[in-house]
């Protein structure tokens, strides 16, 4: 079953993406679960670029959902299961405040059609926010990296002219985060230029 952690953030404050940028750290979640129930890793929606003085952070404002999968083994006993988790996060404006909470939810486990699953709840919240998750490149769309004098050039071919894009590196030590992202529309897509801190090889996953 797909589930998620929702953080509602006060105005002008933000929390962080998996790569926080020049400062900060992402939320972390630690589970204590009954036998037969496991939780997958948290997923991170695409972030915003958040300038902070001379620095550039990557993160979220307002409201964000961090989805994860809750898996129920066939050996799990039907009935009520208590899901306990500890959440740690850092919320920042011009200063940063560490936050933490211990959360607990009781969910029903049912056996139906030969499968053991959770009884669905809170679908409206998940459905409202889960559309913000990243997706794989659609069929027919290609992307490639080429080195440049100051970093790299990312070419994306969608078959039509594109005008907007943003690049967020998973590696915290590769890209010069505050440097402008130069986007050049071309007839079949776009070209995005980024400056790097080092000229080590970059690979597209």
C-alpha atoms as a PDB file:
ATOM      1  CA  UNK A   1       0.000   0.000   0.000  1.00  0.00           C
ATOM      2  CA  UNK A   2       1.200   3.506  -0.779  1.00  0.00           C
ATOM      3  CA  UNK A   3       1.307   5.869   2.196  1.00  0.00           C
ATOM      4  CA  UNK A   4       3.171   9.051   3.051  1.00  0.00           C
ATOM      5  CA  UNK A   5       4.418  11.627   5.518  1.00  0.00           C
ATOM      6  CA  UNK A   6       2.835  15.071   5.077  1.00  0.00           C
ATOM      7  CA  UNK A   7       4.563  18.199   6.408  1.00  0.00           C
ATOM      8  CA  UNK A   8       2.630  21.488   6.527  1.00  0.00           C
ATOM      9  CA  UNK A   9       5.119  24.350   6.700  1.00  0.00           C
ATOM     10  CA  UNK A  10       4.599  27.874   8.030  1.00  0.00           C
ATOM     11  CA  UNK A  11       4.836  30.769   5.562  1.00  0.00           C
ATOM     12  CA  UNK A  12       8.392  31.808   4.593  1.00  0.00           C
ATOM     13  CA  UNK A  13       9.893  28.627   6.076  1.00  0.00           C
ATOM     14  CA  UNK A  14      11.058  25.524   4.210  1.00  0.00           C
ATOM     15  CA  UNK A  15      12.214  21.932   4.642  1.00  0.00           C
ATOM     16  CA  UNK A  16      14.704  20.105   2.468  1.00  0.00           C
ATOM     17  CA  UNK A  17      15.005  17.769  -0.501  1.00  0.00           C
ATOM     18  CA  UNK A  18      17.193  14.624  -0.373  1.00  0.00           C
ATOM     19  CA  UNK A  19      20.072  16.894  -1.504  1.00  0.00           C
ATOM     20  CA  UNK A  20      19.552  19.979   0.656  1.00  0.00           C
ATOM     21  CA  UNK A  21      21.841  22.140  -1.508  1.00  0.00           C
ATOM     22  CA  UNK A  22      24.353  24.424   0.202  1.00  0.00           C
ATOM     23  CA  UNK A  23      22.912  23.943   3.699  1.00  0.00           C
ATOM     24  CA  UNK A  24      20.359  21.897   5.627  1.00  0.00           C
ATOM     25  CA  UNK A  25      19.445  18.225   5.696  1.00  0.00           C
ATOM     26  CA  UNK A  26      16.448  16.174   4.500  1.00  0.00           C
ATOM     27  CA  UNK A  27      13.749  14.713   6.760  1.00  0.00           C
ATOM     28  CA  UNK A  28      14.423  11.235   8.111  1.00  0.00           C
ATOM     29  CA  UNK A  29      11.997   8.592   9.283  1.00  0.00           C
ATOM     30  CA  UNK A  30      12.674   5.588  11.548  1.00  0.00           C
ATOM     31  CA  UNK A  31      10.070   2.843  11.951  1.00  0.00           C
ATOM     32  CA  UNK A  32       9.025   0.449  14.686  1.00  0.00           C
ATOM     33  CA  UNK A  33       6.609  -1.991  13.021  1.00  0.00           C
ATOM     34  CA  UNK A  34       4.824  -5.234  13.920  1.00  0.00           C
ATOM     35  CA  UNK A  35       6.013  -8.551  12.527  1.00  0.00           C
ATOM     36  CA  UNK A  36       5.099  -8.992   8.875  1.00  0.00           C
ATOM     37  CA  UNK A  37       4.967  -5.258   8.060  1.00  0.00           C
ATOM     38  CA  UNK A  38       7.822  -3.362   6.398  1.00  0.00           C
ATOM     39  CA  UNK A  39       8.192   0.183   5.081  1.00  0.00           C
ATOM     40  CA  UNK A  40      10.042   1.191   1.925  1.00  0.00           C
ATOM     41  CA  UNK A  41      12.280   4.267   1.641  1.00  0.00           C
ATOM     42  CA  UNK A  42      10.731   7.732   1.513  1.00  0.00           C
ATOM     43  CA  UNK A  43      10.419   9.277  -1.920  1.00  0.00           C
ATOM     44  CA  UNK A  44      11.107  12.971  -2.510  1.00  0.00           C
ATOM     45  CA  UNK A  45       9.043  15.121  -4.912  1.00  0.00           C
ATOM     46  CA  UNK A  46      10.895  17.602  -7.158  1.00  0.00           C
ATOM     47  CA  UNK A  47      12.049  20.543  -5.002  1.00  0.00           C
ATOM     48  CA  UNK A  48      12.210  24.296  -5.476  1.00  0.00           C
ATOM     49  CA  UNK A  49      15.369  26.400  -5.701  1.00  0.00           C
ATOM     50  CA  UNK A  50      15.438  28.409  -2.452  1.00  0.00           C
ATOM     51  CA  UNK A  51      17.989  31.263  -2.403  1.00  0.00           C
ATOM     52  CA  UNK A  52      19.346  32.064   1.054  1.00  0.00           C
ATOM     53  CA  UNK A  53      21.853  34.945   0.886  1.00  0.00           C
ATOM     54  CA  UNK A  54      24.819  33.740  -1.187  1.00  0.00           C
ATOM     55  CA  UNK A  55      23.650  30.121  -0.866  1.00  0.00           C
ATOM     56  CA  UNK A  56      21.111  28.034  -2.784  1.00  0.00           C
ATOM     57  CA  UNK A  57      19.057  25.407  -1.007  1.00  0.00           C
ATOM     58  CA  UNK A  58      16.718  22.787  -2.501  1.00  0.00           C
ATOM     59  CA  UNK A  59      13.476  22.092  -0.696  1.00  0.00           C
ATOM     60  CA  UNK A  60       9.785  22.707  -0.139  1.00  0.00           C
ATOM     61  CA  UNK A  61       7.470  25.410   1.116  1.00  0.00           C
ATOM     62  CA  UNK A  62       3.782  25.303   2.160  1.00  0.00           C
ATOM     63  CA  UNK A  63       2.963  21.564   2.076  1.00  0.00           C
ATOM     64  CA  UNK A  64       4.771  18.445   0.914  1.00  0.00           C
ATOM     65  CA  UNK A  65       4.101  14.699   0.787  1.00  0.00           C
ATOM     66  CA  UNK A  66       6.959  12.202   1.171  1.00  0.00           C
ATOM     67  CA  UNK A  67       5.480   8.898  -0.069  1.00  0.00           C
ATOM     68  CA  UNK A  68       6.628   5.420   0.893  1.00  0.00           C
ATOM     69  CA  UNK A  69       5.316   1.884   0.496  1.00  0.00           C
ATOM     70  CA  UNK A  70       3.937  -0.117   3.421  1.00  0.00           C
ATOM     71  CA  UNK A  71       4.209  -3.819   2.692  1.00  0.00           C
ATOM     72  CA  UNK A  72       2.169  -6.513   4.433  1.00  0.00           C
ATOM     73  CA  UNK A  73       3.444 -10.089   4.291  1.00  0.00           C
ATOM     74  CA  UNK A  74       1.041 -12.979   3.874  1.00  0.00           C
ATOM     75  CA  UNK A  75       2.122 -14.083   7.347  1.00  0.00           C
ATOM     76  CA  UNK A  76       0.820 -10.879   8.990  1.00  0.00           C
ATOM     77  CA  UNK A  77      -2.164 -11.549  11.237  1.00  0.00           C
ATOM     78  CA  UNK A  78      -5.452  -9.842  10.245  1.00  0.00           C
ATOM     79  CA  UNK A  79      -6.694  -7.314  12.790  1.00  0.00           C
ATOM     80  CA  UNK A  80      -5.329  -4.049  14.133  1.00  0.00           C
ATOM     81  CA  UNK A  81      -1.666  -3.098  13.694  1.00  0.00           C
ATOM     82  CA  UNK A  82       0.095  -0.220  15.474  1.00  0.00           C
ATOM     83  CA  UNK A  83       2.572   1.630  13.225  1.00  0.00           C
ATOM     84  CA  UNK A  84       5.108   3.695  15.169  1.00  0.00           C
ATOM     85  CA  UNK A  85       7.639   6.068  13.659  1.00  0.00           C
ATOM     86  CA  UNK A  86      10.129   8.733  14.688  1.00  0.00           C
ATOM     87  CA  UNK A  87      10.508  11.674  12.288  1.00  0.00           C
ATOM     88  CA  UNK A  88      13.366  14.211  12.327  1.00  0.00           C
ATOM     89  CA  UNK A  89      13.533  17.296  10.121  1.00  0.00           C
ATOM     90  CA  UNK A  90      15.144  20.720   9.811  1.00  0.00           C
ATOM     91  CA  UNK A  91      12.966  23.750   9.032  1.00  0.00           C
ATOM     92  CA  UNK A  92      14.679  26.972   7.996  1.00  0.00           C
ATOM     93  CA  UNK A  93      14.081  30.617   7.180  1.00  0.00           C
ATOM     94  CA  UNK A  94      17.002  32.956   7.968  1.00  0.00           C
ATOM     95  CA  UNK A  95      17.750  30.504  10.789  1.00  0.00           C
ATOM     96  CA  UNK A  96      17.170  26.780  11.188  1.00  0.00           C
ATOM     97  CA  UNK A  97      15.230  24.899  13.846  1.00  0.00           C
ATOM     98  CA  UNK A  98      15.461  21.111  14.248  1.00  0.00           C
ATOM     99  CA  UNK A  99      12.135  19.355  14.624  1.00  0.00           C
ATOM    100  CA  UNK A 100      11.191  15.880  15.727  1.00  0.00           C
ATOM    101  CA  UNK A 101       8.034  13.933  16.420  1.00  0.00           C
ATOM    102  CA  UNK A 102       6.984  10.424  17.346  1.00  0.00           C
ATOM    103  CA  UNK A 103       3.896   9.418  15.407  1.00  0.00           C
ATOM    104  CA  UNK A 104       1.620   6.436  15.805  1.00  0.00           C
ATOM    105  CA  UNK A 105      -1.244   5.159  13.693  1.00  0.00           C
ATOM    106  CA  UNK A 106      -3.478   2.128  14.081  1.00  0.00           C
ATOM    107  CA  UNK A 107      -4.515   0.498  10.834  1.00  0.00           C
ATOM    108  CA  UNK A 108      -6.587  -2.550  10.049  1.00  0.00           C
ATOM    109  CA  UNK A 109      -5.134  -5.545   8.208  1.00  0.00           C
ATOM    110  CA  UNK A 110      -7.503  -7.603   6.118  1.00  0.00           C
ATOM    111  CA  UNK A 111      -7.222 -10.810   4.122  1.00  0.00           C
ATOM    112  CA  UNK A 112      -9.092 -10.672   0.816  1.00  0.00           C
ATOM    113  CA  UNK A 113      -8.740 -12.470  -2.536  1.00  0.00           C
ATOM    114  CA  UNK A 114      -5.765 -14.419  -1.264  1.00  0.00           C
ATOM    115  CA  UNK A 115      -3.848 -11.283  -0.236  1.00  0.00           C
ATOM    116  CA  UNK A 116      -3.191  -9.642   3.127  1.00  0.00           C
ATOM    117  CA  UNK A 117      -3.378  -5.838   2.915  1.00  0.00           C
ATOM    118  CA  UNK A 118      -4.120  -2.689   4.889  1.00  0.00           C
ATOM    119  CA  UNK A 119      -7.624  -1.290   5.039  1.00  0.00           C
ATOM    120  CA  UNK A 120      -7.318   1.945   2.971  1.00  0.00           C
ATOM    121  CA  UNK A 121      -7.651   5.283   4.820  1.00  0.00           C
ATOM    122  CA  UNK A 122      -6.902   8.978   4.180  1.00  0.00           C
ATOM    123  CA  UNK A 123      -6.940   8.478   0.404  1.00  0.00           C
ATOM    124  CA  UNK A 124      -7.958  12.084  -0.302  1.00  0.00           C
ATOM    125  CA  UNK A 125      -4.771  13.568   1.205  1.00  0.00           C
ATOM    126  CA  UNK A 126      -2.503  11.143  -0.642  1.00  0.00           C
ATOM    127  CA  UNK A 127      -4.236  11.585  -3.981  1.00  0.00           C
ATOM    128  CA  UNK A 128      -4.168  15.383  -3.692  1.00  0.00           C
ATOM    129  CA  UNK A 129      -0.405  15.552  -3.170  1.00  0.00           C
ATOM    130  CA  UNK A 130       1.039  12.439  -4.835  1.00  0.00           C
ATOM    131  CA  UNK A 131       0.783  13.882  -8.362  1.00  0.00           C
ATOM    132  CA  UNK A 132       3.852  15.979  -7.596  1.00  0.00           C
ATOM    133  CA  UNK A 133       6.185  12.972  -7.676  1.00  0.00           C
ATOM    134  CA  UNK A 134       8.809  12.767 -10.450  1.00  0.00           C
ATOM    135  CA  UNK A 135       8.282  10.429 -13.398  1.00  0.00           C
ATOM    136  CA  UNK A 136      10.576   8.636 -15.805  1.00  0.00           C
ATOM    137  CA  UNK A 137      11.130  10.209 -19.211  1.00  0.00           C
ATOM    138  CA  UNK A 138       8.171   9.492 -21.511  1.00  0.00           C
ATOM    139  CA  UNK A 139       8.717   7.202 -24.480  1.00  0.00           C
ATOM    140  CA  UNK A 140      10.402   9.078 -27.308  1.00  0.00           C
ATOM    141  CA  UNK A 141      12.000  11.714 -25.054  1.00  0.00           C
ATOM    142  CA  UNK A 142      15.802  11.630 -24.745  1.00  0.00           C
ATOM    143  CA  UNK A 143      18.314  13.447 -22.560  1.00  0.00           C
ATOM    144  CA  UNK A 144      22.091  13.597 -22.810  1.00  0.00           C
ATOM    145  CA  UNK A 145      25.004  15.301 -21.047  1.00  0.00           C
ATOM    146  CA  UNK A 146      28.014  16.916 -22.726  1.00  0.00           C
ATOM    147  CA  UNK A 147      30.932  18.633 -20.955  1.00  0.00           C
ATOM    148  CA  UNK A 148      31.327  22.397 -21.364  1.00  0.00           C
ATOM    149  CA  UNK A 149      34.095  24.844 -20.417  1.00  0.00           C
ATOM    150  CA  UNK A 150      32.547  25.593 -17.028  1.00  0.00           C
ATOM    151  CA  UNK A 151      30.564  22.447 -16.318  1.00  0.00           C
ATOM    152  CA  UNK A 152      28.084  20.547 -18.456  1.00  0.00           C
ATOM    153  CA  UNK A 153      25.320  20.949 -21.009  1.00  0.00           C
ATOM    154  CA  UNK A 154      22.092  18.940 -20.708  1.00  0.00           C
ATOM    155  CA  UNK A 155      20.173  18.484 -23.970  1.00  0.00           C
ATOM    156  CA  UNK A 156      16.574  17.287 -23.742  1.00  0.00           C
ATOM    157  CA  UNK A 157      14.780  16.267 -26.950  1.00  0.00           C
ATOM    158  CA  UNK A 158      10.985  16.182 -26.603  1.00  0.00           C
ATOM    159  CA  UNK A 159      10.125  16.743 -30.263  1.00  0.00           C
ATOM    160  CA  UNK A 160       8.823  20.260 -29.582  1.00  0.00           C
ATOM    161  CA  UNK A 161      10.157  23.599 -28.341  1.00  0.00           C
ATOM    162  CA  UNK A 162      10.445  23.795 -24.527  1.00  0.00           C
ATOM    163  CA  UNK A 163      10.954  26.959 -22.477  1.00  0.00           C
ATOM    164  CA  UNK A 164      11.221  25.854 -18.838  1.00  0.00           C
ATOM    165  CA  UNK A 165      13.403  23.366 -16.972  1.00  0.00           C
ATOM    166  CA  UNK A 166      15.351  23.005 -13.732  1.00  0.00           C
ATOM    167  CA  UNK A 167      18.178  20.620 -12.873  1.00  0.00           C
ATOM    168  CA  UNK A 168      18.614  19.270  -9.333  1.00  0.00           C
ATOM    169  CA  UNK A 169      21.728  17.151  -8.671  1.00  0.00           C
ATOM    170  CA  UNK A 170      21.591  14.131  -6.385  1.00  0.00           C
ATOM    171  CA  UNK A 171      25.290  14.681  -5.603  1.00  0.00           C
ATOM    172  CA  UNK A 172      25.713  17.590  -3.183  1.00  0.00           C
ATOM    173  CA  UNK A 173      29.306  18.322  -4.232  1.00  0.00           C
ATOM    174  CA  UNK A 174      29.010  18.525  -8.029  1.00  0.00           C
ATOM    175  CA  UNK A 175      27.010  21.589  -9.093  1.00  0.00           C
ATOM    176  CA  UNK A 176      27.633  25.244  -8.233  1.00  0.00           C
ATOM    177  CA  UNK A 177      24.175  25.574  -6.711  1.00  0.00           C
ATOM    178  CA  UNK A 178      23.722  29.396  -6.680  1.00  0.00           C
ATOM    179  CA  UNK A 179      24.914  29.775 -10.290  1.00  0.00           C
ATOM    180  CA  UNK A 180      22.101  30.627 -12.756  1.00  0.00           C
ATOM    181  CA  UNK A 181      20.562  27.791 -14.739  1.00  0.00           C
ATOM    182  CA  UNK A 182      20.780  28.902 -18.370  1.00  0.00           C
ATOM    183  CA  UNK A 183      17.919  27.414 -20.412  1.00  0.00           C
ATOM    184  CA  UNK A 184      17.988  27.758 -24.204  1.00  0.00           C
ATOM    185  CA  UNK A 185      14.814  26.705 -26.067  1.00  0.00           C
ATOM    186  CA  UNK A 186      15.467  24.834 -29.332  1.00  0.00           C
ATOM    187  CA  UNK A 187      12.957  23.579 -31.938  1.00  0.00           C
ATOM    188  CA  UNK A 188      13.021  20.003 -30.602  1.00  0.00           C
ATOM    189  CA  UNK A 189      13.388  20.664 -26.859  1.00  0.00           C
ATOM    190  CA  UNK A 190      15.870  22.659 -24.808  1.00  0.00           C
ATOM    191  CA  UNK A 191      19.488  22.950 -23.741  1.00  0.00           C
ATOM    192  CA  UNK A 192      20.330  23.640 -20.099  1.00  0.00           C
ATOM    193  CA  UNK A 193      23.778  24.871 -19.020  1.00  0.00           C
ATOM    194  CA  UNK A 194      25.100  24.303 -15.479  1.00  0.00           C
ATOM    195  CA  UNK A 195      28.344  25.309 -13.835  1.00  0.00           C
ATOM    196  CA  UNK A 196      30.024  22.678 -11.686  1.00  0.00           C
ATOM    197  CA  UNK A 197      32.283  22.910  -8.669  1.00  0.00           C
ATOM    198  CA  UNK A 198      34.532  20.217 -10.121  1.00  0.00           C
ATOM    199  CA  UNK A 199      34.842  18.788 -13.605  1.00  0.00           C
ATOM    200  CA  UNK A 200      34.439  15.163 -12.589  1.00  0.00           C
ATOM    201  CA  UNK A 201      32.375  12.951 -14.939  1.00  0.00           C
ATOM    202  CA  UNK A 202      28.577  13.211 -14.673  1.00  0.00           C
ATOM    203  CA  UNK A 203      26.281  10.333 -15.549  1.00  0.00           C
ATOM    204  CA  UNK A 204      22.566  10.362 -16.373  1.00  0.00           C
ATOM    205  CA  UNK A 205      20.708   7.677 -14.425  1.00  0.00           C
END
